[in-house]
Amino acid sequence: MPDEVPTYDICSHCGVCCTGAFFSHVPLVKPDDRAKLEAHGYEFGDETTNEYPLPCQFQQGALCSIYHSRPHICGAYRCEVLRSADRGEMTQDEAVGHARELVRLYRDLRSRMRPDETLAEMRERVKRLRAGEEETTPEDAKLILAFYAFNIYADRHFHGAGERHVKYG
C-alpha cells in the first residue's frame, strides 16, 4: 500500500474550497462548530443559523488562520485530488500540480470579474450573457472562457462524478 500523502502539503497549495468557488456555505454539523467561529469573532446574524457563509473570512492565502479550531466539516472535506492521493492513484507532486493549476485558473477568473463582484453575482452574469440577455463584450467573452476553464478543470480533477458543477451543453 502506498504511503499516505500528507493532506496539509496539498491543501496548503490550494485553499480554493474556502473561497466560495465550490460551495456557498459551510454546514455547521457539530454542536461546537458555531462556538468555535464565535470565539474567533464571527457574529452570526441569527441564533438559528447552522451554516457559515463563504468565502471564509479566516482564510489567509491558501491557509486557515483558525486551522486548529475550524468547523468539523472543514477538516473532514476531501476533494477528489485528496481522495485520489489517499488511494495511491497520484503522487503528492501530481496532486500539488493540480492544486497549483486550479489556483492559477481561479486567479485568472477573479482577474476578469468586476472589482466588487461576488462569485454568485458573476455566475448570474455569466448565465445572463450566455442566454443573450445582455450584450457580450470581448471582456465578457474572456470572463465566460475563464469561468468554464476553471469549472471544467475543477469538475475533472476536484469533484467526484456526482459533484459536477457545470452543465456542458
Protein backbone atom coordinates (compact mmCIF):
# COMPACT_ATOMS: atom_id res chain seq x y z
CA MET A 1 0.00 0.00 0.00
CA PRO A 2 1.41 3.45 -0.89
CA ASP A 3 2.37 5.93 1.81
CA GLU A 4 -0.44 8.35 2.57
CA VAL A 5 0.12 11.76 1.02
CA PRO A 6 0.01 14.47 3.71
CA THR A 7 -3.21 16.41 3.15
CA TYR A 8 -1.81 19.64 4.52
CA ASP A 9 1.00 19.58 1.98
CA ILE A 10 -1.56 19.53 -0.81
CA CYS A 11 -4.16 21.87 0.71
CA SER A 12 -1.55 24.49 1.58
CA HIS A 13 -1.01 24.97 -2.16
CA CYS A 14 -4.71 25.50 -2.90
CA GLY A 15 -7.43 26.69 -0.50
CA VAL A 16 -9.97 27.13 -3.30
CA CYS A 17 -12.62 25.19 -1.35
CA CYS A 18 -12.66 28.07 1.18
CA THR A 19 -13.19 30.83 -1.42
CA GLY A 20 -16.82 30.15 -2.26
CA ALA A 21 -15.88 28.85 -5.71
CA PHE A 22 -17.17 25.33 -4.92
CA PHE A 23 -19.67 25.96 -2.12
CA SER A 24 -21.69 28.96 -0.93
CA HIS A 25 -21.51 27.98 2.74
CA VAL A 26 -20.13 25.51 5.27
CA PRO A 27 -22.74 23.49 7.15
CA LEU A 28 -22.13 23.53 10.90
CA VAL A 29 -22.62 19.86 11.72
CA LYS A 30 -21.09 19.52 15.19
CA PRO A 31 -22.57 21.21 18.26
CA ASP A 32 -19.38 23.21 18.95
CA ASP A 33 -18.80 24.46 15.36
CA ARG A 34 -20.76 27.66 15.92
CA ALA A 35 -18.99 28.38 19.22
CA LYS A 36 -15.59 27.88 17.55
CA LEU A 37 -16.36 30.56 14.97
CA GLU A 38 -17.83 32.93 17.57
CA ALA A 39 -14.69 32.52 19.70
CA HIS A 40 -12.74 33.93 16.77
CA GLY A 41 -15.02 36.95 16.47
CA TYR A 42 -17.53 35.81 13.87
CA GLU A 43 -21.02 37.18 14.59
CA PHE A 44 -23.96 35.16 13.31
CA GLY A 45 -26.92 37.25 12.21
CA ASP A 46 -29.41 34.94 13.86
CA GLU A 47 -29.39 32.37 16.61
CA THR A 48 -30.71 29.52 14.46
CA THR A 49 -28.16 29.71 11.64
CA ASN A 50 -26.41 26.39 11.12
CA GLU A 51 -24.15 27.44 8.29
CA TYR A 52 -21.18 29.70 7.76
CA PRO A 53 -21.05 31.73 4.52
CA LEU A 54 -18.13 31.51 2.11
CA PRO A 55 -15.71 32.97 1.20
CA CYS A 56 -14.19 32.27 4.58
CA GLN A 57 -13.02 35.36 6.43
CA PHE A 58 -10.40 33.23 8.20
CA GLN A 59 -8.60 32.22 5.01
CA GLN A 60 -5.16 33.79 4.63
CA GLY A 61 -3.81 32.91 1.21
CA ALA A 62 -4.33 29.16 0.95
CA LEU A 63 -4.14 28.69 4.72
CA CYS A 64 -6.68 28.75 7.53
CA SER A 65 -5.96 31.18 10.36
CA ILE A 66 -8.13 29.10 12.72
CA TYR A 67 -6.91 25.72 11.46
CA HIS A 68 -6.84 24.01 14.88
CA SER A 69 -10.34 25.19 15.80
CA ARG A 70 -12.05 25.25 12.38
CA PRO A 71 -15.54 23.76 11.90
CA HIS A 72 -15.65 19.97 11.70
CA ILE A 73 -16.71 19.83 8.04
CA CYS A 74 -13.67 21.89 7.01
CA GLY A 75 -11.35 19.22 8.36
CA ALA A 76 -13.48 16.38 7.02
CA TYR A 77 -13.85 17.71 3.46
CA ARG A 78 -11.85 15.75 0.88
CA CYS A 79 -11.75 16.90 -2.73
CA GLU A 80 -11.20 14.27 -5.42
CA VAL A 81 -7.49 15.15 -5.64
CA LEU A 82 -7.06 14.30 -1.95
CA ARG A 83 -9.12 11.13 -2.27
CA SER A 84 -7.08 10.05 -5.30
CA ALA A 85 -3.82 10.73 -3.48
CA ASP A 86 -5.09 8.79 -0.45
CA ARG A 87 -5.87 5.81 -2.71
CA GLY A 88 -2.35 5.99 -4.19
CA GLU A 89 -3.69 6.93 -7.62
CA MET A 90 -1.49 10.04 -7.82
CA THR A 91 1.69 11.24 -6.20
CA GLN A 92 1.98 14.24 -3.93
CA ASP A 93 3.74 16.13 -6.74
CA GLU A 94 0.85 15.38 -9.13
CA ALA A 95 -1.70 16.44 -6.51
CA VAL A 96 0.16 19.68 -5.78
CA GLY A 97 0.41 20.29 -9.54
CA HIS A 98 -3.38 20.02 -9.85
CA ALA A 99 -3.82 22.35 -6.87
CA ARG A 100 -1.49 24.94 -8.37
CA GLU A 101 -3.23 24.79 -11.74
CA LEU A 102 -6.64 25.22 -10.09
CA VAL A 103 -5.35 28.26 -8.19
CA ARG A 104 -3.96 29.71 -11.44
CA LEU A 105 -7.33 29.26 -13.15
CA TYR A 106 -9.15 30.72 -10.13
CA ARG A 107 -6.92 33.80 -10.11
CA ASP A 108 -7.46 34.26 -13.84
CA LEU A 109 -11.23 34.06 -13.32
CA ARG A 110 -11.10 36.55 -10.43
CA SER A 111 -9.00 38.95 -12.51
CA ARG A 112 -11.75 39.05 -15.14
CA MET A 113 -14.56 39.79 -12.67
CA ARG A 114 -15.79 43.28 -11.87
CA PRO A 115 -13.97 44.85 -8.90
CA ASP A 116 -16.73 44.41 -6.29
CA GLU A 117 -18.47 41.44 -7.91
CA THR A 118 -19.04 38.34 -5.80
CA LEU A 119 -18.73 34.85 -7.22
CA ALA A 120 -22.51 34.42 -7.01
CA GLU A 121 -23.07 37.67 -8.91
CA MET A 122 -20.53 36.66 -11.54
CA ARG A 123 -22.25 33.27 -12.02
CA GLU A 124 -25.57 35.03 -12.56
CA ARG A 125 -23.97 37.44 -15.03
CA VAL A 126 -22.44 34.53 -16.97
CA LYS A 127 -25.89 32.91 -17.15
CA ARG A 128 -27.42 36.13 -18.49
CA LEU A 129 -24.60 36.59 -21.01
CA ARG A 130 -24.91 33.01 -22.25
CA ALA A 131 -28.68 33.39 -22.55
CA GLY A 132 -28.24 36.51 -24.67
CA GLU A 133 -29.96 38.71 -22.08
CA GLU A 134 -27.03 41.13 -22.14
CA GLU A 135 -24.76 42.24 -24.95
CA THR A 136 -21.45 40.39 -24.74
CA THR A 137 -18.27 42.46 -24.92
CA PRO A 138 -14.85 40.96 -25.68
CA GLU A 139 -14.07 41.21 -21.94
CA ASP A 140 -17.29 39.33 -21.13
CA ALA A 141 -16.26 36.60 -23.58
CA LYS A 142 -12.92 36.27 -21.78
CA LEU A 143 -14.77 36.02 -18.46
CA ILE A 144 -17.01 33.25 -19.83
CA LEU A 145 -13.97 31.34 -21.11
CA ALA A 146 -12.20 31.74 -17.75
CA PHE A 147 -15.38 30.62 -15.94
CA TYR A 148 -15.62 27.44 -18.00
CA ALA A 149 -11.88 26.74 -17.88
CA PHE A 150 -11.94 26.92 -14.08
CA ASN A 151 -15.12 24.87 -13.67
CA ILE A 152 -14.22 22.18 -16.19
CA TYR A 153 -10.80 21.72 -14.58
CA ALA A 154 -12.39 21.64 -11.11
CA ASP A 155 -15.02 19.15 -12.25
CA ARG A 156 -12.43 16.92 -13.88
CA HIS A 157 -9.94 16.88 -11.01
CA PHE A 158 -11.51 18.13 -7.77
CA HIS A 159 -15.14 16.98 -7.78
CA GLY A 160 -16.34 13.41 -7.73
CA ALA A 161 -18.65 12.18 -10.50
CA GLY A 162 -21.80 13.14 -8.55
CA GLU A 163 -20.42 16.56 -7.63
CA ARG A 164 -20.17 18.20 -11.05
CA HIS A 165 -20.91 21.92 -11.03
CA VAL A 166 -21.17 22.91 -14.71
CA LYS A 167 -23.71 21.78 -17.27
CA TYR A 168 -21.85 21.27 -20.54
CA GLY A 169 -24.48 21.75 -23.14
